[in-house]
Protein backbone atom coordinates (compact mmCIF):
# COMPACT_ATOMS: atom_id res chain seq x y z
CA MET A 1 -10.30 117.05 142.96
CA VAL A 2 -6.61 116.74 143.81
CA LYS A 3 -5.67 114.01 146.28
CA ILE A 4 -2.38 112.78 147.67
CA GLY A 5 -2.93 109.10 148.34
CA ASP A 6 -6.34 108.03 149.56
CA LYS A 7 -6.87 110.46 152.42
CA VAL A 8 -5.27 113.85 151.69
CA ASN A 9 -7.86 115.88 149.79
CA LEU A 10 -6.54 119.26 148.62
CA GLY A 11 -9.52 120.59 146.70
CA GLU A 12 -9.76 121.57 143.05
CA PHE A 13 -6.45 123.42 142.53
CA PRO A 14 -4.30 123.65 145.65
CA LEU A 15 -1.77 126.32 146.48
CA LEU A 16 1.15 124.89 148.45
CA LEU A 17 3.78 126.58 150.59
CA ALA A 18 7.24 125.40 149.59
CA PRO A 19 9.57 124.11 152.29
CA MET A 20 12.13 126.84 152.94
CA GLU A 21 14.98 126.67 155.43
CA ASP A 22 14.70 129.34 158.15
CA VAL A 23 11.37 130.50 156.69
CA SER A 24 8.59 127.89 156.68
CA ASP A 25 8.51 127.31 160.43
CA PRO A 26 5.27 127.13 162.46
CA PRO A 27 5.00 130.93 163.03
CA PHE A 28 5.21 131.64 159.30
CA ARG A 29 3.06 128.69 158.34
CA ALA A 30 0.30 130.01 160.61
CA LEU A 31 0.18 133.25 158.62
CA CYS A 32 0.10 131.45 155.28
CA LYS A 33 -2.69 129.16 156.45
CA GLU A 34 -4.78 132.16 157.49
CA GLN A 35 -4.37 133.58 154.00
CA GLY A 36 -5.61 130.48 152.21
CA CYS A 37 -2.63 128.16 151.70
CA ASP A 38 -3.99 124.66 151.12
CA MET A 39 -0.98 122.59 152.14
CA MET A 40 2.30 123.46 153.79
CA TYR A 41 5.63 121.80 154.33
CA THR A 42 8.09 122.07 157.18
CA GLU A 43 11.61 123.30 156.73
CA PHE A 44 13.70 120.43 155.43
CA ILE A 45 15.08 118.19 158.16
CA SER A 46 18.41 116.39 158.09
CA VAL A 47 17.84 112.68 158.58
CA GLU A 48 21.25 112.41 160.25
CA GLY A 49 20.24 115.07 162.77
CA LEU A 50 16.88 113.41 163.27
CA ILE A 51 18.18 109.94 164.04
CA ARG A 52 20.76 111.43 166.40
CA ASP A 53 18.04 113.36 168.24
CA ALA A 54 19.62 116.75 167.49
CA HIS A 55 17.42 119.46 169.02
CA LYS A 56 17.19 121.66 165.94
CA SER A 57 16.17 118.74 163.74
CA VAL A 58 13.66 117.31 166.20
CA GLN A 59 12.08 120.73 166.81
CA LYS A 60 11.26 120.98 163.11
CA LEU A 61 8.89 118.03 163.55
CA ASP A 62 6.52 120.35 165.45
CA ILE A 63 3.19 120.60 163.64
CA TYR A 64 -0.15 121.89 164.87
CA ASP A 65 -3.70 120.90 164.10
CA TYR A 66 -4.61 124.31 162.67
CA GLU A 67 -2.06 123.97 159.86
CA ARG A 68 -3.14 120.58 158.54
CA PRO A 69 -2.71 119.12 156.02
CA VAL A 70 1.04 119.42 156.42
CA GLY A 71 4.02 117.54 155.05
CA ILE A 72 7.29 116.94 156.88
CA GLN A 73 10.24 117.12 154.52
CA ILE A 74 13.48 115.22 155.04
CA PHE A 75 16.80 115.11 153.20
CA GLY A 76 19.70 112.70 153.24
CA ALA A 77 21.61 110.20 151.15
CA ASN A 78 22.14 107.18 153.42
CA HIS A 79 19.56 104.43 152.95
CA ASP A 80 19.47 103.24 156.57
CA SER A 81 19.27 106.80 157.89
CA MET A 82 16.45 107.70 155.53
CA MET A 83 14.44 104.65 156.54
CA ARG A 84 14.96 105.25 160.26
CA ALA A 85 14.04 108.90 159.83
CA ALA A 86 10.87 107.90 158.00
CA GLU A 87 9.78 105.95 161.07
CA ILE A 88 10.45 108.97 163.30
CA VAL A 89 8.49 111.25 160.97
CA GLU A 90 5.53 108.87 161.02
CA GLU A 91 5.37 109.18 164.80
CA ALA A 92 4.89 112.96 164.39
CA GLN A 93 1.71 112.20 162.41
CA PRO A 94 1.89 114.55 159.44
CA GLU A 95 -0.35 113.93 156.47
CA VAL A 96 2.61 113.44 154.13
CA LEU A 97 6.32 112.60 154.20
CA ASP A 98 8.20 114.57 151.55
CA ILE A 99 11.73 113.88 150.29
CA ASN A 100 13.91 116.80 149.24
CA TYR A 101 15.80 116.09 146.04
CA GLY A 102 15.97 119.74 145.05
CA CYS A 103 18.02 121.79 147.53
CA PRO A 104 20.94 123.24 145.54
CA VAL A 105 23.18 124.53 148.35
CA LYS A 106 26.73 123.19 148.37
CA LYS A 107 26.78 121.78 151.92
CA VAL A 108 23.81 119.55 151.06
CA VAL A 109 24.75 118.69 147.49
CA CYS A 110 28.32 117.66 148.35
CA LYS A 111 26.87 114.82 150.43
CA MET A 112 24.78 113.63 147.45
CA ALA A 113 21.65 114.79 149.24
CA GLY A 114 19.11 117.34 147.98
CA ALA A 115 19.77 118.14 144.33
CA GLY A 116 23.07 116.27 144.57
CA ILE A 117 21.26 113.00 143.98
CA LEU A 118 20.23 114.22 140.53
CA GLN A 119 23.68 113.02 139.49
CA ASP A 120 22.61 109.44 140.24
CA ILE A 121 19.02 108.75 139.23
CA ASP A 122 19.28 105.04 140.03
CA LYS A 123 20.23 105.88 143.61
CA MET A 124 17.38 108.40 143.82
CA VAL A 125 14.89 105.74 142.78
CA LYS A 126 16.27 103.10 145.15
CA LEU A 127 16.35 105.55 148.06
CA THR A 128 12.77 106.56 147.38
CA ASP A 129 11.67 102.95 147.14
CA ASP A 130 13.25 102.25 150.53
CA VAL A 131 11.47 105.20 152.14
CA VAL A 132 8.10 104.28 150.63
CA LYS A 133 8.46 100.78 152.07
CA SER A 134 9.46 102.15 155.49
CA THR A 135 6.32 104.15 156.23
CA ASN A 136 2.56 104.06 156.06
CA LEU A 137 2.49 107.76 155.20
CA PRO A 138 2.02 108.91 151.61
CA VAL A 139 5.48 109.78 150.28
CA THR A 140 5.96 112.74 147.96
CA VAL A 141 9.05 114.22 146.34
CA LYS A 142 10.27 117.72 145.53
CA THR A 143 13.01 117.99 142.93
CA ARG A 144 14.40 119.97 139.98
CA LEU A 145 14.58 119.46 136.22
CA GLY A 146 18.04 117.93 136.48
CA TRP A 147 21.61 118.56 137.54
CA ASP A 148 22.40 120.83 134.58
CA GLU A 149 21.12 121.66 131.10
CA ASN A 150 22.51 118.38 129.73
CA THR A 151 20.88 116.11 132.30
CA GLN A 152 17.25 117.19 132.46
CA TYR A 153 15.85 113.70 132.99
CA ILE A 154 12.78 114.81 134.91
CA GLU A 155 10.35 112.92 132.66
CA GLU A 156 12.16 109.65 133.34
CA VAL A 157 12.42 110.56 137.02
CA ALA A 158 8.69 111.23 137.27
CA GLU A 159 7.80 107.84 135.79
CA ARG A 160 10.29 105.89 137.88
CA LEU A 161 9.41 107.59 141.15
CA GLN A 162 5.72 107.02 140.47
CA ASP A 163 6.50 103.35 139.78
CA VAL A 164 8.07 102.91 143.23
CA GLY A 165 5.07 104.43 144.94
CA ILE A 166 5.28 108.19 145.45
CA LYS A 167 1.89 109.91 145.62
CA ALA A 168 2.76 113.36 144.25
CA LEU A 169 5.69 115.18 142.67
CA SER A 170 6.63 118.86 143.01
CA ILE A 171 9.04 120.17 140.38
CA HIS A 172 11.06 123.36 140.51
CA GLY A 173 11.59 124.55 136.95
CA ARG A 174 15.35 125.00 137.20
CA THR A 175 18.41 122.77 137.24
CA ARG A 176 20.75 122.58 140.18
CA LYS A 177 23.37 124.46 138.16
CA GLN A 178 20.98 127.40 137.82
CA MET A 179 20.44 127.62 141.58
CA TYR A 180 17.76 130.38 141.68
CA LYS A 181 19.10 132.39 138.74
CA GLY A 182 17.42 132.97 135.41
CA GLU A 183 13.81 132.21 134.66
CA ALA A 184 12.17 128.96 135.71
CA ASP A 185 11.29 126.78 132.71
CA TRP A 186 7.99 124.98 133.16
CA THR A 187 8.02 123.37 129.70
CA LEU A 188 9.11 119.95 130.94
CA ILE A 189 6.66 120.16 133.82
CA GLY A 190 3.91 120.59 131.24
CA LYS A 191 5.20 117.61 129.26
CA ILE A 192 5.00 115.42 132.34
CA LYS A 193 1.35 116.39 132.77
CA GLU A 194 0.73 115.34 129.16
CA ASN A 195 2.39 111.96 129.72
CA PRO A 196 -0.39 109.33 129.72
CA ARG A 197 1.62 107.17 132.15
CA ILE A 198 1.56 109.82 134.86
CA HIS A 199 -1.44 109.68 137.19
CA ILE A 200 -0.11 111.25 140.40
CA PRO A 201 -0.55 115.00 141.05
CA ILE A 202 2.17 117.20 139.58
CA PHE A 203 2.81 120.53 141.30
CA GLY A 204 4.77 123.29 139.57
CA ASN A 205 7.20 125.52 141.43
CA GLY A 206 9.34 128.48 140.46
CA ASP A 207 8.79 132.20 139.83
CA ILE A 208 5.09 132.38 140.69
CA ASP A 209 4.93 135.87 142.14
CA SER A 210 1.55 137.22 141.06
CA PRO A 211 -2.05 136.08 140.58
CA GLN A 212 -1.78 136.72 136.84
CA LYS A 213 1.25 134.48 136.48
CA ALA A 214 -0.37 131.77 138.59
CA LYS A 215 -3.39 131.74 136.28
CA LEU A 216 -1.25 131.80 133.13
CA TYR A 217 0.91 128.88 134.25
CA ARG A 218 -2.09 126.92 135.49
CA GLU A 219 -3.68 127.16 132.06
CA ARG A 220 -0.52 126.83 129.97
CA TYR A 221 1.07 123.85 131.71
CA GLY A 222 -1.94 122.01 133.15
CA VAL A 223 -0.40 121.37 136.57
CA ASP A 224 -2.53 120.06 139.42
CA GLY A 225 -1.46 122.82 141.78
CA ILE A 226 1.19 125.46 142.37
CA MET A 227 3.87 125.54 145.02
CA ILE A 228 4.95 129.02 146.11
CA GLY A 229 8.24 129.74 147.83
CA ARG A 230 10.18 133.00 147.82
CA ALA A 231 7.22 135.13 146.73
CA SER A 232 5.47 134.32 150.01
CA ILE A 233 8.28 135.62 152.24
CA GLY A 234 6.92 138.73 153.93
CA ASN A 235 3.87 138.30 151.73
CA PRO A 236 1.57 135.52 152.99
CA TRP A 237 -1.28 137.42 151.31
CA ILE A 238 -0.20 136.02 147.94
CA PHE A 239 -2.33 132.94 148.59
CA ARG A 240 -5.55 134.90 149.08
CA GLU A 241 -4.70 137.15 146.13
CA ILE A 242 -4.27 134.21 143.78
CA LYS A 243 -7.44 132.50 144.97
CA HIS A 244 -9.44 135.70 144.60
CA TYR A 245 -8.12 136.20 141.08
CA PHE A 246 -8.96 132.63 140.12
CA ALA A 247 -12.50 133.09 141.40
CA THR A 248 -13.27 136.59 140.14
CA GLY A 249 -10.63 137.73 137.65
CA GLU A 250 -10.03 140.75 139.87
CA ILE A 251 -6.83 141.90 141.53
CA LEU A 252 -7.18 142.51 145.24
CA PRO A 253 -5.69 145.73 146.63
CA PRO A 254 -2.38 145.23 148.44
CA PRO A 255 -2.44 144.53 152.17
CA THR A 256 -2.98 147.61 154.32
CA ILE A 257 -0.40 148.98 156.71
CA HIS A 258 -2.48 147.52 159.54
CA GLU A 259 -2.39 144.06 157.95
CA ARG A 260 1.37 144.26 157.42
CA VAL A 261 2.13 145.37 160.95
CA ASN A 262 -0.33 142.89 162.42
CA ALA A 263 1.33 140.06 160.49
CA ALA A 264 4.77 141.10 161.75
CA ARG A 265 3.38 141.36 165.29
CA GLN A 266 1.76 137.91 165.09
CA HIS A 267 4.90 136.43 163.54
CA LEU A 268 7.04 137.85 166.35
CA LYS A 269 4.65 136.60 169.04
CA HIS A 270 4.55 133.05 167.69
CA SER A 271 8.29 133.05 167.08
CA ILE A 272 8.92 133.87 170.75
CA GLU A 273 6.39 131.26 171.88
CA TRP A 274 7.93 128.55 169.71
CA LYS A 275 11.66 129.30 169.97
CA GLY A 276 11.91 131.15 173.25
CA GLU A 277 12.43 134.88 173.73
CA LYS A 278 16.11 135.19 172.81
CA LEU A 279 16.12 133.00 169.70
CA GLY A 280 12.60 134.00 168.65
CA ILE A 281 13.54 137.69 168.57
CA LEU A 282 16.87 137.02 166.88
CA GLU A 283 15.46 134.86 164.09
CA MET A 284 12.54 137.20 163.48
CA ARG A 285 14.95 139.93 162.38
CA ARG A 286 15.37 138.50 158.90
CA HIS A 287 11.66 138.99 158.22
CA TYR A 288 11.17 142.69 158.97
CA THR A 289 12.68 143.86 155.69
CA ASN A 290 10.21 141.72 153.77
CA TYR A 291 7.13 142.89 155.65
CA PHE A 292 8.00 146.55 155.11
CA ARG A 293 9.74 146.35 151.75
CA GLY A 294 9.26 149.49 149.66
CA PHE A 295 8.14 151.69 152.55
CA ARG A 296 9.52 155.21 152.36
CA ASN A 297 12.01 156.16 155.08
CA VAL A 298 11.63 152.80 156.80
CA LYS A 299 15.34 152.29 157.55
CA PRO A 300 15.33 153.97 161.01
CA PHE A 301 12.39 151.81 162.09
CA ARG A 302 14.03 148.69 160.71
CA MET A 303 17.27 149.46 162.54
CA GLN A 304 15.34 149.67 165.80
CA LEU A 305 13.62 146.36 165.11
CA VAL A 306 16.90 144.51 164.47
CA THR A 307 18.82 145.96 167.42
CA ASN A 308 16.30 145.74 170.26
CA HIS A 309 15.99 142.63 172.43
CA ASP A 310 12.91 143.43 174.52
CA PRO A 311 9.53 142.14 173.28
CA VAL A 312 7.56 145.05 174.74
CA THR A 313 9.87 147.53 173.03
CA LEU A 314 9.56 145.68 169.73
CA TYR A 315 5.77 145.66 169.85
CA GLY A 316 5.95 149.40 170.60
CA ILE A 317 8.10 150.00 167.52
CA LEU A 318 5.61 148.10 165.39
CA ASP A 319 2.84 150.32 166.80
CA GLU A 320 4.89 153.38 165.84
CA ILE A 321 5.31 152.03 162.31
CA GLU A 322 1.57 151.57 161.97
CA ASP A 323 0.80 155.03 163.35
CA TYR A 324 3.41 156.73 161.17
CA TYR A 325 2.52 155.11 157.86
CA SER A 326 -1.21 155.30 158.50
CA THR A 327 -0.68 159.05 158.53
CA VAL A 328 1.88 159.63 155.76
CA GLY A 329 1.12 156.61 153.57
CA ILE A 330 3.43 153.88 152.39
């Protein structure tokens, strides 16, 4: 049984939704939860925005009972800001507070936040220690193997972060230099699991895009659970597919056209409810391509979806998509 701290019980082998900016918001998390995701994380939240009460940062604290257990993820590099933000996060009552030490994008890294802190392991450890002492929530960390191929100190990092009190560690099998290119290397993740000093859960992340690969990496590297990111975008069914394969050894058929359209419809509805009509419709546009990826002759439908502003019209277009592809096939 995998547990984060004393109270967060995730079952035998949890599947986690990775925190993804502009993706893992409440509307998307609802879909993933329905499909069997065991634990989810918010989009990462800037501690500087949080302590300054910036609307976009504060809104990301929104969590709902149906999606529990859920972790709120923060990023930053200033000790005082991180500690103050930890107190704010605790008031939102998630199950877990997660620190992002893995985001590779330049605007985060240049401030020594996200993966930028991989250039200063001592600072990473001290910052984590401060956060752990600032909250009653279990603190977890998501990070990468290292800054580049010459600084893959993740084994040392795992031990030192455990020593200052984190309750779980999620590791993306790439360096910051790699960004999202090349193949994720889980070898060091497996070595951490073999380390007799390590007793906290270790979750592997990177390139899990099929039930077969999930099973292979579970068995090969001995991780306590798997965190899934990009492969879930437009495909929340990956969680149920992996669980079914674990249980039966069988591959589920792909989601039907009805399931795909219904997911897009539900996503749109919740997006409007959460963000308001204008922003909800606008930010939903990035998801349509993923829900209908690979459909023949889908471009005219997609163009209508990304140019219309009226909810009733958009739901009508989704109905047309379902009617059309139910007849001609995907």
